[in-house]
PDB file of N, CA and C in Angstrom:
ATOM      1  N   MET A   1     -28.106 -28.164 -25.564  1.00  0.00           N
ATOM      2  CA  MET A   1     -27.084 -28.984 -25.286  1.00  0.00           C
ATOM      3  C   MET A   1     -25.704 -28.655 -26.756  1.00  0.00           C
ATOM      4  N   LYS A   2     -26.426 -29.516 -27.114  1.00  0.00           N
ATOM      5  CA  LYS A   2     -25.362 -28.859 -28.632  1.00  0.00           C
ATOM      6  C   LYS A   2     -24.601 -27.536 -28.729  1.00  0.00           C
ATOM      7  N   LYS A   3     -26.060 -26.720 -28.554  1.00  0.00           N
ATOM      8  CA  LYS A   3     -25.579 -25.636 -28.887  1.00  0.00           C
ATOM      9  C   LYS A   3     -24.525 -24.911 -27.830  1.00  0.00           C
ATOM     10  N   ALA A   4     -24.795 -25.698 -25.969  1.00  0.00           N
ATOM     11  CA  ALA A   4     -23.517 -24.733 -25.642  1.00  0.00           C
ATOM     12  C   ALA A   4     -21.998 -25.871 -25.265  1.00  0.00           C
ATOM     13  N   ARG A   5     -22.238 -26.632 -26.095  1.00  0.00           N
ATOM     14  CA  ARG A   5     -20.833 -27.656 -26.453  1.00  0.00           C
ATOM     15  C   ARG A   5     -20.519 -26.875 -27.637  1.00  0.00           C
ATOM     16  N   LEU A   6     -21.377 -26.489 -28.979  1.00  0.00           N
ATOM     17  CA  LEU A   6     -20.393 -25.790 -30.098  1.00  0.00           C
ATOM     18  C   LEU A   6     -20.081 -24.367 -28.760  1.00  0.00           C
ATOM     19  N   ILE A   7     -20.592 -23.514 -28.317  1.00  0.00           N
ATOM     20  CA  ILE A   7     -19.942 -22.500 -28.067  1.00  0.00           C
ATOM     21  C   ILE A   7     -18.859 -22.735 -27.328  1.00  0.00           C
ATOM     22  N   PHE A   8     -18.907 -23.621 -26.400  1.00  0.00           N
ATOM     23  CA  PHE A   8     -17.181 -24.399 -25.440  1.00  0.00           C
ATOM     24  C   PHE A   8     -16.390 -24.902 -26.477  1.00  0.00           C
ATOM     25  N   LEU A   9     -16.640 -25.395 -27.700  1.00  0.00           N
ATOM     26  CA  LEU A   9     -15.488 -25.490 -28.308  1.00  0.00           C
ATOM     27  C   LEU A   9     -15.208 -24.752 -29.487  1.00  0.00           C
ATOM     28  N   SER A  10     -16.178 -23.441 -29.470  1.00  0.00           N
ATOM     29  CA  SER A  10     -15.272 -22.439 -30.209  1.00  0.00           C
ATOM     30  C   SER A  10     -15.118 -21.296 -29.839  1.00  0.00           C
ATOM     31  N   LEU A  11     -15.278 -21.208 -28.352  1.00  0.00           N
ATOM     32  CA  LEU A  11     -14.019 -20.551 -27.450  1.00  0.00           C
ATOM     33  C   LEU A  11     -12.671 -21.471 -27.158  1.00  0.00           C
ATOM     34  N   ILE A  12     -12.291 -22.088 -27.376  1.00  0.00           N
ATOM     35  CA  ILE A  12     -11.089 -22.959 -26.985  1.00  0.00           C
ATOM     36  C   ILE A  12     -10.374 -22.423 -28.138  1.00  0.00           C
ATOM     37  N   PRO A  13     -10.660 -21.926 -29.584  1.00  0.00           N
ATOM     38  CA  PRO A  13      -9.511 -21.598 -30.082  1.00  0.00           C
ATOM     39  C   PRO A  13      -9.000 -20.201 -29.542  1.00  0.00           C
ATOM     40  N   ALA A  14     -10.056 -19.709 -29.307  1.00  0.00           N
ATOM     41  CA  ALA A  14      -9.797 -17.959 -28.355  1.00  0.00           C
ATOM     42  C   ALA A  14      -8.752 -17.938 -27.455  1.00  0.00           C
ATOM     43  N   MET A  15      -8.916 -18.840 -26.502  1.00  0.00           N
ATOM     44  CA  MET A  15      -8.646 -19.145 -25.143  1.00  0.00           C
ATOM     45  C   MET A  15      -7.250 -19.218 -25.446  1.00  0.00           C
ATOM     46  N   LEU A  16      -6.664 -20.213 -26.215  1.00  0.00           N
ATOM     47  CA  LEU A  16      -5.265 -20.842 -26.678  1.00  0.00           C
ATOM     48  C   LEU A  16      -4.478 -19.834 -27.412  1.00  0.00           C
ATOM     49  N   ALA A  17      -4.768 -18.654 -28.290  1.00  0.00           N
ATOM     50  CA  ALA A  17      -4.791 -17.862 -29.023  1.00  0.00           C
ATOM     51  C   ALA A  17      -4.301 -16.523 -28.118  1.00  0.00           C
ATOM     52  N   LEU A  18      -5.256 -16.356 -26.915  1.00  0.00           N
ATOM     53  CA  LEU A  18      -5.015 -15.488 -26.102  1.00  0.00           C
ATOM     54  C   LEU A  18      -3.556 -15.688 -24.758  1.00  0.00           C
ATOM     55  N   GLY A  19      -3.732 -16.868 -24.348  1.00  0.00           N
ATOM     56  CA  GLY A  19      -3.068 -17.302 -23.744  1.00  0.00           C
ATOM     57  C   GLY A  19      -1.349 -17.340 -24.330  1.00  0.00           C
ATOM     58  N   GLY A  20      -1.480 -17.521 -26.067  1.00  0.00           N
ATOM     59  CA  GLY A  20       0.139 -17.194 -26.746  1.00  0.00           C
ATOM     60  C   GLY A  20       0.898 -15.979 -26.679  1.00  0.00           C
ATOM     61  N   CYS A  21      -0.064 -14.945 -26.032  1.00  0.00           N
ATOM     62  CA  CYS A  21      -0.342 -13.736 -26.415  1.00  0.00           C
ATOM     63  C   CYS A  21       1.442 -12.940 -25.263  1.00  0.00           C
ATOM     64  N   SER A  22       1.115 -13.723 -23.799  1.00  0.00           N
ATOM     65  CA  SER A  22       1.743 -13.309 -23.281  1.00  0.00           C
ATOM     66  C   SER A  22       3.294 -13.072 -22.871  1.00  0.00           C
ATOM     67  N   LYS A  23       4.553 -13.077 -22.934  1.00  0.00           N
ATOM     68  CA  LYS A  23       5.551 -13.480 -22.839  1.00  0.00           C
ATOM     69  C   LYS A  23       6.108 -13.853 -22.038  1.00  0.00           C
ATOM     70  N   PRO A  24       6.939 -15.480 -22.602  1.00  0.00           N
ATOM     71  CA  PRO A  24       7.235 -16.209 -21.171  1.00  0.00           C
ATOM     72  C   PRO A  24       8.527 -15.299 -20.546  1.00  0.00           C
ATOM     73  N   ASP A  25       8.499 -15.840 -19.325  1.00  0.00           N
ATOM     74  CA  ASP A  25       9.336 -15.584 -18.195  1.00  0.00           C
ATOM     75  C   ASP A  25      11.163 -14.978 -18.902  1.00  0.00           C
ATOM     76  N   THR A  26      11.322 -16.089 -20.018  1.00  0.00           N
ATOM     77  CA  THR A  26      12.656 -15.992 -20.187  1.00  0.00           C
ATOM     78  C   THR A  26      12.996 -15.050 -21.423  1.00  0.00           C
ATOM     79  N   ALA A  27      11.859 -14.257 -22.411  1.00  0.00           N
ATOM     80  CA  ALA A  27      11.794 -13.707 -23.257  1.00  0.00           C
ATOM     81  C   ALA A  27      12.676 -12.489 -22.785  1.00  0.00           C
ATOM     82  N   PRO A  28      13.385 -11.534 -23.686  1.00  0.00           N
ATOM     83  CA  PRO A  28      14.268 -10.293 -23.629  1.00  0.00           C
ATOM     84  C   PRO A  28      13.271  -9.448 -23.683  1.00  0.00           C
ATOM     85  N   GLY A  29      13.722  -8.669 -21.828  1.00  0.00           N
ATOM     86  CA  GLY A  29      12.632  -7.279 -21.752  1.00  0.00           C
ATOM     87  C   GLY A  29      13.416  -6.312 -22.146  1.00  0.00           C
ATOM     88  N   PRO A  30      12.992  -5.326 -21.568  1.00  0.00           N
ATOM     89  CA  PRO A  30      13.678  -4.318 -20.851  1.00  0.00           C
ATOM     90  C   PRO A  30      15.132  -3.652 -20.683  1.00  0.00           C
ATOM     91  N   GLY A  31      16.050  -3.630 -20.898  1.00  0.00           N
ATOM     92  CA  GLY A  31      17.380  -2.833 -20.655  1.00  0.00           C
ATOM     93  C   GLY A  31      18.150  -4.384 -20.177  1.00  0.00           C
ATOM     94  N   GLY A  32      17.824  -4.734 -21.149  1.00  0.00           N
ATOM     95  CA  GLY A  32      18.468  -6.391 -21.063  1.00  0.00           C
ATOM     96  C   GLY A  32      18.446  -7.418 -20.616  1.00  0.00           C
ATOM     97  N   VAL A  33      17.510  -7.121 -20.062  1.00  0.00           N
ATOM     98  CA  VAL A  33      17.051  -8.767 -18.587  1.00  0.00           C
ATOM     99  C   VAL A  33      15.836  -9.355 -19.438  1.00  0.00           C
ATOM    100  N   THR A  34      15.568 -10.072 -18.829  1.00  0.00           N
ATOM    101  CA  THR A  34      14.003 -10.873 -19.218  1.00  0.00           C
ATOM    102  C   THR A  34      13.308 -10.353 -18.740  1.00  0.00           C
ATOM    103  N   MET A  35      11.528 -11.204 -19.076  1.00  0.00           N
ATOM    104  CA  MET A  35      10.569  -9.919 -18.991  1.00  0.00           C
ATOM    105  C   MET A  35      10.679 -10.365 -17.611  1.00  0.00           C
ATOM    106  N   GLY A  36      10.756 -12.045 -16.681  1.00  0.00           N
ATOM    107  CA  GLY A  36      11.097 -12.371 -14.932  1.00  0.00           C
ATOM    108  C   GLY A  36      11.723 -11.645 -14.539  1.00  0.00           C
ATOM    109  N   GLU A  37      12.831 -11.588 -15.017  1.00  0.00           N
ATOM    110  CA  GLU A  37      13.762 -10.456 -13.915  1.00  0.00           C
ATOM    111  C   GLU A  37      13.045  -8.535 -13.882  1.00  0.00           C
ATOM    112  N   ALA A  38      12.807  -8.029 -15.228  1.00  0.00           N
ATOM    113  CA  ALA A  38      11.703  -6.958 -15.092  1.00  0.00           C
ATOM    114  C   ALA A  38      10.809  -6.587 -14.474  1.00  0.00           C
ATOM    115  N   ARG A  39       9.919  -7.757 -14.222  1.00  0.00           N
ATOM    116  CA  ARG A  39       8.744  -8.148 -13.256  1.00  0.00           C
ATOM    117  C   ARG A  39       9.526  -8.351 -11.568  1.00  0.00           C
ATOM    118  N   ALA A  40      10.211  -9.112 -11.729  1.00  0.00           N
ATOM    119  CA  ALA A  40      11.191  -8.658 -10.233  1.00  0.00           C
ATOM    120  C   ALA A  40      11.463  -7.627  -9.540  1.00  0.00           C
ATOM    121  N   LEU A  41      12.085  -7.186 -10.285  1.00  0.00           N
ATOM    122  CA  LEU A  41      12.774  -5.489 -10.516  1.00  0.00           C
ATOM    123  C   LEU A  41      11.546  -4.452 -10.512  1.00  0.00           C
ATOM    124  N   ASP A  42       9.945  -4.437 -10.800  1.00  0.00           N
ATOM    125  CA  ASP A  42       9.460  -3.737 -10.822  1.00  0.00           C
ATOM    126  C   ASP A  42       8.666  -4.026  -9.576  1.00  0.00           C
ATOM    127  N   GLU A  43       8.172  -5.101  -8.778  1.00  0.00           N
ATOM    128  CA  GLU A  43       8.138  -5.350  -7.534  1.00  0.00           C
ATOM    129  C   GLU A  43       8.785  -4.909  -6.960  1.00  0.00           C
ATOM    130  N   ALA A  44      10.512  -4.978  -6.802  1.00  0.00           N
ATOM    131  CA  ALA A  44      11.320  -4.259  -5.472  1.00  0.00           C
ATOM    132  C   ALA A  44      10.724  -3.253  -5.221  1.00  0.00           C
ATOM    133  N   ALA A  45      11.004  -2.496  -6.638  1.00  0.00           N
ATOM    134  CA  ALA A  45      10.395  -0.660  -6.832  1.00  0.00           C
ATOM    135  C   ALA A  45       9.466  -0.487  -6.266  1.00  0.00           C
ATOM    136  N   ALA A  46       7.979  -1.290  -6.230  1.00  0.00           N
ATOM    137  CA  ALA A  46       7.161  -0.931  -5.391  1.00  0.00           C
ATOM    138  C   ALA A  46       7.099  -1.134  -4.156  1.00  0.00           C
ATOM    139  N   MET A  47       8.324  -2.563  -3.418  1.00  0.00           N
ATOM    140  CA  MET A  47       7.920  -2.957  -2.179  1.00  0.00           C
ATOM    141  C   MET A  47       8.655  -1.399  -1.480  1.00  0.00           C
ATOM    142  N   LEU A  48       9.722  -1.350  -1.949  1.00  0.00           N
ATOM    143  CA  LEU A  48      11.236  -0.211  -1.563  1.00  0.00           C
ATOM    144  C   LEU A  48       9.919   1.538  -1.816  1.00  0.00           C
ATOM    145  N   ASP A  49       9.423   1.801  -2.598  1.00  0.00           N
ATOM    146  CA  ASP A  49       8.256   2.522  -2.633  1.00  0.00           C
ATOM    147  C   ASP A  49       7.685   2.961  -1.245  1.00  0.00           C
ATOM    148  N   GLU A  50       6.807   1.629  -1.254  1.00  0.00           N
ATOM    149  CA  GLU A  50       6.172   1.514   0.126  1.00  0.00           C
ATOM    150  C   GLU A  50       6.069   2.332   1.233  1.00  0.00           C
ATOM    151  N   ARG A  51       7.737   1.461   1.196  1.00  0.00           N
ATOM    152  CA  ARG A  51       8.801   1.766   2.952  1.00  0.00           C
ATOM    153  C   ARG A  51       8.954   2.877   2.664  1.00  0.00           C
ATOM    154  N   ARG A  52       9.030   3.557   1.774  1.00  0.00           N
ATOM    155  CA  ARG A  52      10.185   5.137   1.707  1.00  0.00           C
ATOM    156  C   ARG A  52       9.734   6.243   3.112  1.00  0.00           C
ATOM    157  N   PRO A  53      10.732   6.346   3.771  1.00  0.00           N
ATOM    158  CA  PRO A  53      10.372   6.667   4.853  1.00  0.00           C
ATOM    159  C   PRO A  53       9.926   8.650   4.671  1.00  0.00           C
ATOM    160  N   PRO A  54       9.906   9.020   6.108  1.00  0.00           N
ATOM    161  CA  PRO A  54       8.763  10.727   5.954  1.00  0.00           C
ATOM    162  C   PRO A  54       9.211  11.310   5.546  1.00  0.00           C
ATOM    163  N   ALA A  55       8.996  12.291   4.825  1.00  0.00           N
ATOM    164  CA  ALA A  55      10.612  13.312   4.451  1.00  0.00           C
ATOM    165  C   ALA A  55      11.218  14.284   5.546  1.00  0.00           C
ATOM    166  N   ALA A  56      11.016  14.357   7.007  1.00  0.00           N
ATOM    167  CA  ALA A  56      11.140  14.495   7.729  1.00  0.00           C
ATOM    168  C   ALA A  56      12.395  13.632   8.669  1.00  0.00           C
ATOM    169  N   ALA A  57      12.501  12.762   8.326  1.00  0.00           N
ATOM    170  CA  ALA A  57      13.920  11.881   8.142  1.00  0.00           C
ATOM    171  C   ALA A  57      14.479  12.236   7.585  1.00  0.00           C
ATOM    172  N   LEU A  58      14.570  12.707   6.618  1.00  0.00           N
ATOM    173  CA  LEU A  58      15.183  12.671   5.331  1.00  0.00           C
ATOM    174  C   LEU A  58      15.950  14.206   5.657  1.00  0.00           C
ATOM    175  N   GLN A  59      15.873  14.916   6.341  1.00  0.00           N
ATOM    176  CA  GLN A  59      16.614  16.247   6.181  1.00  0.00           C
ATOM    177  C   GLN A  59      17.405  16.014   7.031  1.00  0.00           C
ATOM    178  N   PRO A  60      18.628  16.557   6.875  1.00  0.00           N
ATOM    179  CA  PRO A  60      19.778  16.479   7.513  1.00  0.00           C
ATOM    180  C   PRO A  60      19.797  17.295   9.083  1.00  0.00           C
ATOM    181  N   SER A  61      20.582  16.279  10.252  1.00  0.00           N
ATOM    182  CA  SER A  61      20.424  17.194  11.360  1.00  0.00           C
ATOM    183  C   SER A  61      21.131  18.651  11.492  1.00  0.00           C
ATOM    184  N   ALA A  62      21.050  18.755  12.882  1.00  0.00           N
ATOM    185  CA  ALA A  62      21.746  20.394  12.695  1.00  0.00           C
ATOM    186  C   ALA A  62      23.148  19.635  13.158  1.00  0.00           C
ATOM    187  N   PRO A  63      24.277  20.300  12.760  1.00  0.00           N
ATOM    188  CA  PRO A  63      25.617  20.267  13.071  1.00  0.00           C
ATOM    189  C   PRO A  63      25.919  20.460  14.758  1.00  0.00           C
ATOM    190  N   LYS A  64      26.500  19.474  15.295  1.00  0.00           N
ATOM    191  CA  LYS A  64      26.251  19.398  16.864  1.00  0.00           C
ATOM    192  C   LYS A  64      27.979  20.454  16.791  1.00  0.00           C
ATOM    193  N   ASP A  65      28.175  21.068  18.164  1.00  0.00           N
ATOM    194  CA  ASP A  65      29.182  21.302  18.337  1.00  0.00           C
ATOM    195  C   ASP A  65      30.071  20.729  18.330  1.00  0.00           C
ATOM    196  N   ALA A  66      31.201  20.893  17.051  1.00  0.00           N
ATOM    197  CA  ALA A  66      32.465  20.357  17.593  1.00  0.00           C
ATOM    198  C   ALA A  66      33.290  21.070  18.494  1.00  0.00           C
ATOM    199  N   LYS A  67      34.495  20.022  19.693  1.00  0.00           N
ATOM    200  CA  LYS A  67      35.037  20.872  20.141  1.00  0.00           C
ATOM    201  C   LYS A  67      36.366  21.278  19.650  1.00  0.00           C
ATOM    202  N   ALA A  68      37.626  22.127  19.471  1.00  0.00           N
ATOM    203  CA  ALA A  68      39.146  22.524  18.597  1.00  0.00           C
ATOM    204  C   ALA A  68      39.370  21.302  19.861  1.00  0.00           C
ATOM    205  N   PRO A  69      40.049  20.921  19.207  1.00  0.00           N
ATOM    206  CA  PRO A  69      41.256  19.724  20.046  1.00  0.00           C
ATOM    207  C   PRO A  69      42.856  20.830  20.617  1.00  0.00           C
TER     208      PRO A  69
END
């Protein structure tokens, strides 16, 4: 019982130290935005990449015959 408690108590400082490693959302991030904004931009870019249309949809259509006035 005492050994388990000792192990648990020795893990508390390690958990606290690792918890302090991540930057808060308001910390400056890349490109002059905060870390929270950078994370939101990355998630938005991933969503747009998932919804990318097929290559055939991006091909220009054939020009329609235009009648001269």
